């Protein structure tokens, strides 16, 4: 299991190297970003489970339209803890 402290340090170092002055900075395609996000969510859910959608919203997280629908739907907590974006994206 990876050390979260090392992950945070690595991401901080990578973020420090990014130049925000470049107006022509290359952007990753949306499809690639979605695949990376889905892979990270699978990894997270396998290790300890995901926060429920209502918890995410309560902590100030932004929800997509589909997540908002699941949040207000009369479904179980288990259903509200699924990675709904993996289904729609």
PDB file of N, CA and C in Angstrom:
ATOM      1  N   UNK A   1       0.842  -1.170   0.000  1.00  0.00           N
ATOM      2  CA  UNK A   1       0.000   0.000   0.000  1.00  0.00           C
ATOM      3  C   UNK A   1       0.890   1.237   0.000  1.00  0.00           C
ATOM      4  N   UNK A   2       0.679   2.166  -0.935  1.00  0.00           N
ATOM      5  CA  UNK A   2       1.546   3.326  -1.028  1.00  0.00           C
ATOM      6  C   UNK A   2       1.388   4.258   0.176  1.00  0.00           C
ATOM      7  N   UNK A   3       2.479   4.921   0.512  1.00  0.00           N
ATOM      8  CA  UNK A   3       2.479   5.879   1.614  1.00  0.00           C
ATOM      9  C   UNK A   3       1.890   7.200   1.130  1.00  0.00           C
ATOM     10  N   UNK A   4       0.822   7.673   1.787  1.00  0.00           N
ATOM     11  CA  UNK A   4       0.158   8.903   1.356  1.00  0.00           C
ATOM     12  C   UNK A   4       1.069  10.104   1.507  1.00  0.00           C
ATOM     13  N   UNK A   5       1.939  10.095   2.504  1.00  0.00           N
ATOM     14  CA  UNK A   5       2.867  11.195   2.700  1.00  0.00           C
ATOM     15  C   UNK A   5       3.811  11.336   1.513  1.00  0.00           C
ATOM     16  N   UNK A   6       4.294  10.207   1.009  1.00  0.00           N
ATOM     17  CA  UNK A   6       5.180  10.234  -0.155  1.00  0.00           C
ATOM     18  C   UNK A   6       4.419  10.691  -1.394  1.00  0.00           C
ATOM     19  N   UNK A   7       3.171  10.242  -1.557  1.00  0.00           N
ATOM     20  CA  UNK A   7       2.353  10.665  -2.692  1.00  0.00           C
ATOM     21  C   UNK A   7       2.143  12.167  -2.676  1.00  0.00           C
ATOM     22  N   UNK A   8       1.809  12.715  -1.499  1.00  0.00           N
ATOM     23  CA  UNK A   8       1.582  14.149  -1.370  1.00  0.00           C
ATOM     24  C   UNK A   8       2.849  14.925  -1.712  1.00  0.00           C
ATOM     25  N   UNK A   9       3.988  14.440  -1.229  1.00  0.00           N
ATOM     26  CA  UNK A   9       5.270  15.104  -1.502  1.00  0.00           C
ATOM     27  C   UNK A   9       5.564  15.090  -3.001  1.00  0.00           C
ATOM     28  N   UNK A  10       5.344  13.951  -3.653  1.00  0.00           N
ATOM     29  CA  UNK A  10       5.579  13.830  -5.085  1.00  0.00           C
ATOM     30  C   UNK A  10       4.687  14.784  -5.864  1.00  0.00           C
ATOM     31  N   UNK A  11       3.389  14.816  -5.531  1.00  0.00           N
ATOM     32  CA  UNK A  11       2.465  15.702  -6.235  1.00  0.00           C
ATOM     33  C   UNK A  11       2.814  17.169  -6.006  1.00  0.00           C
ATOM     34  N   UNK A  12       3.258  17.494  -4.803  1.00  0.00           N
ATOM     35  CA  UNK A  12       3.673  18.876  -4.521  1.00  0.00           C
ATOM     36  C   UNK A  12       4.878  19.258  -5.353  1.00  0.00           C
ATOM     37  N   UNK A  13       5.846  18.340  -5.474  1.00  0.00           N
ATOM     38  CA  UNK A  13       7.030  18.612  -6.283  1.00  0.00           C
ATOM     39  C   UNK A  13       6.657  18.791  -7.755  1.00  0.00           C
ATOM     40  N   UNK A  14       5.763  17.954  -8.239  1.00  0.00           N
ATOM     41  CA  UNK A  14       5.327  18.078  -9.633  1.00  0.00           C
ATOM     42  C   UNK A  14       4.591  19.398  -9.860  1.00  0.00           C
ATOM     43  N   UNK A  15       3.744  19.767  -8.925  1.00  0.00           N
ATOM     44  CA  UNK A  15       2.990  21.015  -9.056  1.00  0.00           C
ATOM     45  C   UNK A  15       3.918  22.223  -9.048  1.00  0.00           C
ATOM     46  N   UNK A  16       4.995  22.162  -8.257  1.00  0.00           N
ATOM     47  CA  UNK A  16       5.949  23.275  -8.202  1.00  0.00           C
ATOM     48  C   UNK A  16       6.664  23.484  -9.530  1.00  0.00           C
ATOM     49  N   UNK A  17       6.775  22.440 -10.342  1.00  0.00           N
ATOM     50  CA  UNK A  17       7.484  22.532 -11.624  1.00  0.00           C
ATOM     51  C   UNK A  17       6.626  23.093 -12.751  1.00  0.00           C
ATOM     52  N   UNK A  18       5.342  23.207 -12.525  1.00  0.00           N
ATOM     53  CA  UNK A  18       4.440  23.671 -13.575  1.00  0.00           C
ATOM     54  C   UNK A  18       4.527  25.177 -13.697  1.00  0.00           C
ATOM     55  N   UNK A  19       4.710  25.641 -14.913  1.00  0.00           N
ATOM     56  CA  UNK A  19       4.750  27.072 -15.182  1.00  0.00           C
ATOM     57  C   UNK A  19       3.361  27.531 -15.609  1.00  0.00           C
ATOM     58  N   UNK A  20       2.802  28.463 -14.859  1.00  0.00           N
ATOM     59  CA  UNK A  20       1.482  28.975 -15.193  1.00  0.00           C
ATOM     60  C   UNK A  20       1.565  30.144 -16.172  1.00  0.00           C
ATOM     61  N   UNK A  21       2.784  30.567 -16.531  1.00  0.00           N
ATOM     62  CA  UNK A  21       2.962  31.684 -17.448  1.00  0.00           C
ATOM     63  C   UNK A  21       2.713  31.295 -18.895  1.00  0.00           C
ATOM     64  N   UNK A  22       2.804  30.048 -19.214  1.00  0.00           N
ATOM     65  CA  UNK A  22       2.658  29.592 -20.593  1.00  0.00           C
ATOM     66  C   UNK A  22       1.197  29.629 -21.018  1.00  0.00           C
ATOM     67  N   UNK A  23       0.904  30.399 -22.073  1.00  0.00           N
ATOM     68  CA  UNK A  23      -0.474  30.476 -22.564  1.00  0.00           C
ATOM     69  C   UNK A  23      -0.803  29.306 -23.490  1.00  0.00           C
ATOM     70  N   UNK A  24       0.220  28.600 -23.939  1.00  0.00           N
ATOM     71  CA  UNK A  24       0.014  27.479 -24.858  1.00  0.00           C
ATOM     72  C   UNK A  24       0.391  26.156 -24.205  1.00  0.00           C
ATOM     73  N   UNK A  25       0.102  26.045 -22.933  1.00  0.00           N
ATOM     74  CA  UNK A  25       0.420  24.811 -22.228  1.00  0.00           C
ATOM     75  C   UNK A  25      -0.437  23.677 -22.804  1.00  0.00           C
ATOM     76  N   UNK A  26       0.196  22.551 -23.117  1.00  0.00           N
ATOM     77  CA  UNK A  26      -0.588  21.426 -23.657  1.00  0.00           C
ATOM     78  C   UNK A  26      -1.535  20.878 -22.598  1.00  0.00           C
ATOM     79  N   UNK A  27      -2.706  20.476 -23.039  1.00  0.00           N
ATOM     80  CA  UNK A  27      -3.709  19.908 -22.137  1.00  0.00           C
ATOM     81  C   UNK A  27      -3.942  18.455 -22.513  1.00  0.00           C
ATOM     82  N   UNK A  28      -4.156  17.668 -21.490  1.00  0.00           N
ATOM     83  CA  UNK A  28      -4.458  16.256 -21.732  1.00  0.00           C
ATOM     84  C   UNK A  28      -5.877  16.144 -22.278  1.00  0.00           C
ATOM     85  N   UNK A  29      -6.095  15.210 -23.207  1.00  0.00           N
ATOM     86  CA  UNK A  29      -7.448  15.003 -23.732  1.00  0.00           C
ATOM     87  C   UNK A  29      -8.399  14.558 -22.617  1.00  0.00           C
ATOM     88  N   UNK A  30      -9.651  14.966 -22.724  1.00  0.00           N
ATOM     89  CA  UNK A  30     -10.657  14.619 -21.711  1.00  0.00           C
ATOM     90  C   UNK A  30     -10.778  13.118 -21.521  1.00  0.00           C
ATOM     91  N   UNK A  31     -10.679  12.386 -22.608  1.00  0.00           N
ATOM     92  CA  UNK A  31     -10.793  10.920 -22.521  1.00  0.00           C
ATOM     93  C   UNK A  31      -9.684  10.339 -21.643  1.00  0.00           C
ATOM     94  N   UNK A  32      -8.461  10.855 -21.788  1.00  0.00           N
ATOM     95  CA  UNK A  32      -7.342  10.387 -20.970  1.00  0.00           C
ATOM     96  C   UNK A  32      -7.552  10.760 -19.506  1.00  0.00           C
ATOM     97  N   UNK A  33      -7.997  11.990 -19.249  1.00  0.00           N
ATOM     98  CA  UNK A  33      -8.242  12.416 -17.874  1.00  0.00           C
ATOM     99  C   UNK A  33      -9.326  11.552 -17.228  1.00  0.00           C
ATOM    100  N   UNK A  34     -10.368  11.220 -17.979  1.00  0.00           N
ATOM    101  CA  UNK A  34     -11.443  10.385 -17.443  1.00  0.00           C
ATOM    102  C   UNK A  34     -10.933   8.983 -17.108  1.00  0.00           C
ATOM    103  N   UNK A  35     -10.074   8.440 -17.963  1.00  0.00           N
ATOM    104  CA  UNK A  35      -9.535   7.093 -17.701  1.00  0.00           C
ATOM    105  C   UNK A  35      -8.638   7.088 -16.470  1.00  0.00           C
ATOM    106  N   UNK A  36      -7.834   8.136 -16.323  1.00  0.00           N
ATOM    107  CA  UNK A  36      -6.958   8.240 -15.148  1.00  0.00           C
ATOM    108  C   UNK A  36      -7.802   8.376 -13.886  1.00  0.00           C
ATOM    109  N   UNK A  37      -8.808   9.235 -13.935  1.00  0.00           N
ATOM    110  CA  UNK A  37      -9.688   9.441 -12.786  1.00  0.00           C
ATOM    111  C   UNK A  37     -10.370   8.131 -12.397  1.00  0.00           C
ATOM    112  N   UNK A  38     -10.889   7.410 -13.386  1.00  0.00           N
ATOM    113  CA  UNK A  38     -11.565   6.138 -13.103  1.00  0.00           C
ATOM    114  C   UNK A  38     -10.602   5.134 -12.481  1.00  0.00           C
ATOM    115  N   UNK A  39      -9.368   5.086 -12.981  1.00  0.00           N
ATOM    116  CA  UNK A  39      -8.379   4.160 -12.423  1.00  0.00           C
ATOM    117  C   UNK A  39      -8.056   4.522 -10.976  1.00  0.00           C
ATOM    118  N   UNK A  40      -7.930   5.813 -10.694  1.00  0.00           N
ATOM    119  CA  UNK A  40      -7.668   6.241  -9.323  1.00  0.00           C
ATOM    120  C   UNK A  40      -8.836   5.902  -8.398  1.00  0.00           C
ATOM    121  N   UNK A  41     -10.054   6.068  -8.880  1.00  0.00           N
ATOM    122  CA  UNK A  41     -11.223   5.752  -8.069  1.00  0.00           C
ATOM    123  C   UNK A  41     -11.327   4.254  -7.798  1.00  0.00           C
ATOM    124  N   UNK A  42     -10.988   3.434  -8.794  1.00  0.00           N
ATOM    125  CA  UNK A  42     -10.991   1.982  -8.583  1.00  0.00           C
ATOM    126  C   UNK A  42      -9.966   1.596  -7.524  1.00  0.00           C
ATOM    127  N   UNK A  43      -8.806   2.211  -7.601  1.00  0.00           N
ATOM    128  CA  UNK A  43      -7.744   1.924  -6.639  1.00  0.00           C
ATOM    129  C   UNK A  43      -8.172   2.340  -5.233  1.00  0.00           C
ATOM    130  N   UNK A  44      -8.775   3.516  -5.130  1.00  0.00           N
ATOM    131  CA  UNK A  44      -9.229   4.021  -3.834  1.00  0.00           C
ATOM    132  C   UNK A  44     -10.344   3.154  -3.262  1.00  0.00           C
ATOM    133  N   UNK A  45     -11.311   2.775  -4.102  1.00  0.00           N
ATOM    134  CA  UNK A  45     -12.424   1.971  -3.607  1.00  0.00           C
ATOM    135  C   UNK A  45     -11.972   0.580  -3.191  1.00  0.00           C
ATOM    136  N   UNK A  46     -10.930   0.050  -3.833  1.00  0.00           N
ATOM    137  CA  UNK A  46     -10.421  -1.270  -3.464  1.00  0.00           C
ATOM    138  C   UNK A  46      -9.706  -1.225  -2.121  1.00  0.00           C
ATOM    139  N   UNK A  47      -9.084  -0.104  -1.814  1.00  0.00           N
ATOM    140  CA  UNK A  47      -8.313  -0.035  -0.576  1.00  0.00           C
ATOM    141  C   UNK A  47      -9.174   0.278   0.644  1.00  0.00           C
ATOM    142  N   UNK A  48     -10.141   1.191   0.513  1.00  0.00           N
ATOM    143  CA  UNK A  48     -10.910   1.536   1.707  1.00  0.00           C
ATOM    144  C   UNK A  48     -12.335   1.988   1.433  1.00  0.00           C
ATOM    145  N   UNK A  49     -12.784   1.949   0.244  1.00  0.00           N
ATOM    146  CA  UNK A  49     -14.141   2.396  -0.051  1.00  0.00           C
ATOM    147  C   UNK A  49     -14.202   3.904  -0.226  1.00  0.00           C
ATOM    148  N   UNK A  50     -15.161   4.353  -0.987  1.00  0.00           N
ATOM    149  CA  UNK A  50     -15.301   5.770  -1.292  1.00  0.00           C
ATOM    150  C   UNK A  50     -16.262   6.429  -0.312  1.00  0.00           C
ATOM    151  N   UNK A  51     -16.101   7.738  -0.141  1.00  0.00           N
ATOM    152  CA  UNK A  51     -17.076   8.498   0.642  1.00  0.00           C
ATOM    153  C   UNK A  51     -18.386   8.496  -0.123  1.00  0.00           C
ATOM    154  N   UNK A  52     -19.470   8.595   0.603  1.00  0.00           N
ATOM    155  CA  UNK A  52     -20.758   8.665  -0.085  1.00  0.00           C
ATOM    156  C   UNK A  52     -20.905  10.031  -0.753  1.00  0.00           C
ATOM    157  N   UNK A  53     -21.775  10.104  -1.728  1.00  0.00           N
ATOM    158  CA  UNK A  53     -22.001  11.346  -2.452  1.00  0.00           C
ATOM    159  C   UNK A  53     -22.499  12.450  -1.508  1.00  0.00           C
ATOM    160  N   UNK A  54     -23.451  12.172  -0.593  1.00  0.00           N
ATOM    161  CA  UNK A  54     -23.863  13.224   0.344  1.00  0.00           C
ATOM    162  C   UNK A  54     -22.709  13.739   1.223  1.00  0.00           C
ATOM    163  N   UNK A  55     -21.810  12.837   1.644  1.00  0.00           N
ATOM    164  CA  UNK A  55     -20.644  13.265   2.427  1.00  0.00           C
ATOM    165  C   UNK A  55     -19.750  14.188   1.610  1.00  0.00           C
ATOM    166  N   UNK A  56     -19.541  13.826   0.358  1.00  0.00           N
ATOM    167  CA  UNK A  56     -18.711  14.647  -0.529  1.00  0.00           C
ATOM    168  C   UNK A  56     -19.311  16.033  -0.680  1.00  0.00           C
ATOM    169  N   UNK A  57     -20.617  16.095  -0.905  1.00  0.00           N
ATOM    170  CA  UNK A  57     -21.313  17.382  -1.055  1.00  0.00           C
ATOM    171  C   UNK A  57     -21.233  18.192   0.233  1.00  0.00           C
ATOM    172  N   UNK A  58     -21.422  17.537   1.378  1.00  0.00           N
ATOM    173  CA  UNK A  58     -21.389  18.222   2.671  1.00  0.00           C
ATOM    174  C   UNK A  58     -20.013  18.824   2.961  1.00  0.00           C
ATOM    175  N   UNK A  59     -18.954  18.197   2.439  1.00  0.00           N
ATOM    176  CA  UNK A  59     -17.595  18.696   2.655  1.00  0.00           C
ATOM    177  C   UNK A  59     -17.183  19.724   1.607  1.00  0.00           C
ATOM    178  N   UNK A  60     -18.143  20.143   0.764  1.00  0.00           N
ATOM    179  CA  UNK A  60     -17.854  21.188  -0.212  1.00  0.00           C
ATOM    180  C   UNK A  60     -17.433  20.694  -1.578  1.00  0.00           C
ATOM    181  N   UNK A  61     -17.490  19.391  -1.805  1.00  0.00           N
ATOM    182  CA  UNK A  61     -17.126  18.837  -3.105  1.00  0.00           C
ATOM    183  C   UNK A  61     -18.167  19.167  -4.161  1.00  0.00           C
ATOM    184  N   UNK A  62     -17.708  19.351  -5.388  1.00  0.00           N
ATOM    185  CA  UNK A  62     -18.629  19.622  -6.492  1.00  0.00           C
ATOM    186  C   UNK A  62     -19.100  18.300  -7.077  1.00  0.00           C
ATOM    187  N   UNK A  63     -20.350  18.251  -7.455  1.00  0.00           N
ATOM    188  CA  UNK A  63     -20.937  17.049  -8.022  1.00  0.00           C
ATOM    189  C   UNK A  63     -21.366  17.311  -9.453  1.00  0.00           C
ATOM    190  N   UNK A  64     -21.262  16.277 -10.290  1.00  0.00           N
ATOM    191  CA  UNK A  64     -21.783  16.390 -11.651  1.00  0.00           C
ATOM    192  C   UNK A  64     -23.306  16.178 -11.593  1.00  0.00           C
ATOM    193  N   UNK A  65     -23.961  16.370 -12.697  1.00  0.00           N
ATOM    194  CA  UNK A  65     -25.420  16.239 -12.760  1.00  0.00           C
ATOM    195  C   UNK A  65     -25.864  14.852 -12.286  1.00  0.00           C
ATOM    196  N   UNK A  66     -25.183  13.819 -12.720  1.00  0.00           N
ATOM    197  CA  UNK A  66     -25.571  12.460 -12.365  1.00  0.00           C
ATOM    198  C   UNK A  66     -25.347  12.184 -10.880  1.00  0.00           C
ATOM    199  N   UNK A  67     -24.250  12.689 -10.330  1.00  0.00           N
ATOM    200  CA  UNK A  67     -24.006  12.520  -8.899  1.00  0.00           C
ATOM    201  C   UNK A  67     -25.069  13.251  -8.078  1.00  0.00           C
ATOM    202  N   UNK A  68     -25.470  14.414  -8.549  1.00  0.00           N
ATOM    203  CA  UNK A  68     -26.515  15.174  -7.857  1.00  0.00           C
ATOM    204  C   UNK A  68     -27.834  14.397  -7.860  1.00  0.00           C
ATOM    205  N   UNK A  69     -28.142  13.740  -8.971  1.00  0.00           N
ATOM    206  CA  UNK A  69     -29.353  12.917  -9.043  1.00  0.00           C
ATOM    207  C   UNK A  69     -29.294  11.759  -8.054  1.00  0.00           C
ATOM    208  N   UNK A  70     -28.131  11.113  -7.960  1.00  0.00           N
ATOM    209  CA  UNK A  70     -27.980  10.010  -7.012  1.00  0.00           C
ATOM    210  C   UNK A  70     -28.082  10.538  -5.585  1.00  0.00           C
ATOM    211  N   UNK A  71     -27.536  11.717  -5.340  1.00  0.00           N
ATOM    212  CA  UNK A  71     -27.565  12.297  -3.995  1.00  0.00           C
ATOM    213  C   UNK A  71     -28.995  12.502  -3.504  1.00  0.00           C
ATOM    214  N   UNK A  72     -29.880  12.964  -4.392  1.00  0.00           N
ATOM    215  CA  UNK A  72     -31.253  13.244  -3.963  1.00  0.00           C
ATOM    216  C   UNK A  72     -32.197  12.053  -4.146  1.00  0.00           C
ATOM    217  N   UNK A  73     -31.722  11.011  -4.813  1.00  0.00           N
ATOM    218  CA  UNK A  73     -32.562   9.832  -5.055  1.00  0.00           C
ATOM    219  C   UNK A  73     -32.752   9.023  -3.764  1.00  0.00           C
ATOM    220  N   UNK A  74     -33.906   8.380  -3.617  1.00  0.00           N
ATOM    221  CA  UNK A  74     -34.149   7.555  -2.434  1.00  0.00           C
ATOM    222  C   UNK A  74     -33.529   6.162  -2.587  1.00  0.00           C
ATOM    223  N   UNK A  75     -32.192   6.116  -2.552  1.00  0.00           N
ATOM    224  CA  UNK A  75     -31.477   4.839  -2.682  1.00  0.00           C
ATOM    225  C   UNK A  75     -30.623   4.625  -1.440  1.00  0.00           C
ATOM    226  N   UNK A  76     -30.118   3.420  -1.289  1.00  0.00           N
ATOM    227  CA  UNK A  76     -29.338   3.055  -0.099  1.00  0.00           C
ATOM    228  C   UNK A  76     -27.999   3.797  -0.045  1.00  0.00           C
ATOM    229  N   UNK A  77     -27.406   3.799   1.140  1.00  0.00           N
ATOM    230  CA  UNK A  77     -26.090   4.413   1.326  1.00  0.00           C
ATOM    231  C   UNK A  77     -25.046   3.717   0.473  1.00  0.00           C
ATOM    232  N   UNK A  78     -25.194   2.404   0.318  1.00  0.00           N
ATOM    233  CA  UNK A  78     -24.249   1.656  -0.515  1.00  0.00           C
ATOM    234  C   UNK A  78     -24.301   2.164  -1.958  1.00  0.00           C
ATOM    235  N   UNK A  79     -25.497   2.410  -2.461  1.00  0.00           N
ATOM    236  CA  UNK A  79     -25.635   2.941  -3.825  1.00  0.00           C
ATOM    237  C   UNK A  79     -25.031   4.343  -3.928  1.00  0.00           C
ATOM    238  N   UNK A  80     -25.141   5.110  -2.859  1.00  0.00           N
ATOM    239  CA  UNK A  80     -24.614   6.477  -2.866  1.00  0.00           C
ATOM    240  C   UNK A  80     -23.097   6.505  -2.712  1.00  0.00           C
ATOM    241  N   UNK A  81     -22.482   5.350  -2.446  1.00  0.00           N
ATOM    242  CA  UNK A  81     -21.030   5.274  -2.315  1.00  0.00           C
ATOM    243  C   UNK A  81     -20.364   4.704  -3.568  1.00  0.00           C
ATOM    244  N   UNK A  82     -21.148   4.398  -4.585  1.00  0.00           N
ATOM    245  CA  UNK A  82     -20.578   3.889  -5.830  1.00  0.00           C
ATOM    246  C   UNK A  82     -19.930   5.008  -6.626  1.00  0.00           C
ATOM    247  N   UNK A  83     -18.977   4.661  -7.460  1.00  0.00           N
ATOM    248  CA  UNK A  83     -18.353   5.637  -8.360  1.00  0.00           C
ATOM    249  C   UNK A  83     -19.266   5.768  -9.583  1.00  0.00           C
ATOM    250  N   UNK A  84     -20.260   6.604  -9.465  1.00  0.00           N
ATOM    251  CA  UNK A  84     -21.271   6.765 -10.519  1.00  0.00           C
ATOM    252  C   UNK A  84     -20.643   7.305 -11.799  1.00  0.00           C
ATOM    253  N   UNK A  85     -19.564   8.064 -11.690  1.00  0.00           N
ATOM    254  CA  UNK A  85     -18.922   8.627 -12.892  1.00  0.00           C
ATOM    255  C   UNK A  85     -18.324   7.535 -13.766  1.00  0.00           C
ATOM    256  N   UNK A  86     -17.932   6.429 -13.174  1.00  0.00           N
ATOM    257  CA  UNK A  86     -17.400   5.318 -13.974  1.00  0.00           C
ATOM    258  C   UNK A  86     -18.477   4.759 -14.904  1.00  0.00           C
ATOM    259  N   UNK A  87     -19.710   4.832 -14.475  1.00  0.00           N
ATOM    260  CA  UNK A  87     -20.819   4.330 -15.287  1.00  0.00           C
ATOM    261  C   UNK A  87     -21.139   5.299 -16.426  1.00  0.00           C
ATOM    262  N   UNK A  88     -21.197   6.592 -16.115  1.00  0.00           N
ATOM    263  CA  UNK A  88     -21.627   7.547 -17.139  1.00  0.00           C
ATOM    264  C   UNK A  88     -20.495   8.038 -18.024  1.00  0.00           C
ATOM    265  N   UNK A  89     -19.249   7.955 -17.595  1.00  0.00           N
ATOM    266  CA  UNK A  89     -18.151   8.424 -18.432  1.00  0.00           C
ATOM    267  C   UNK A  89     -17.450   7.238 -19.064  1.00  0.00           C
TER     268      UNK A  89
END
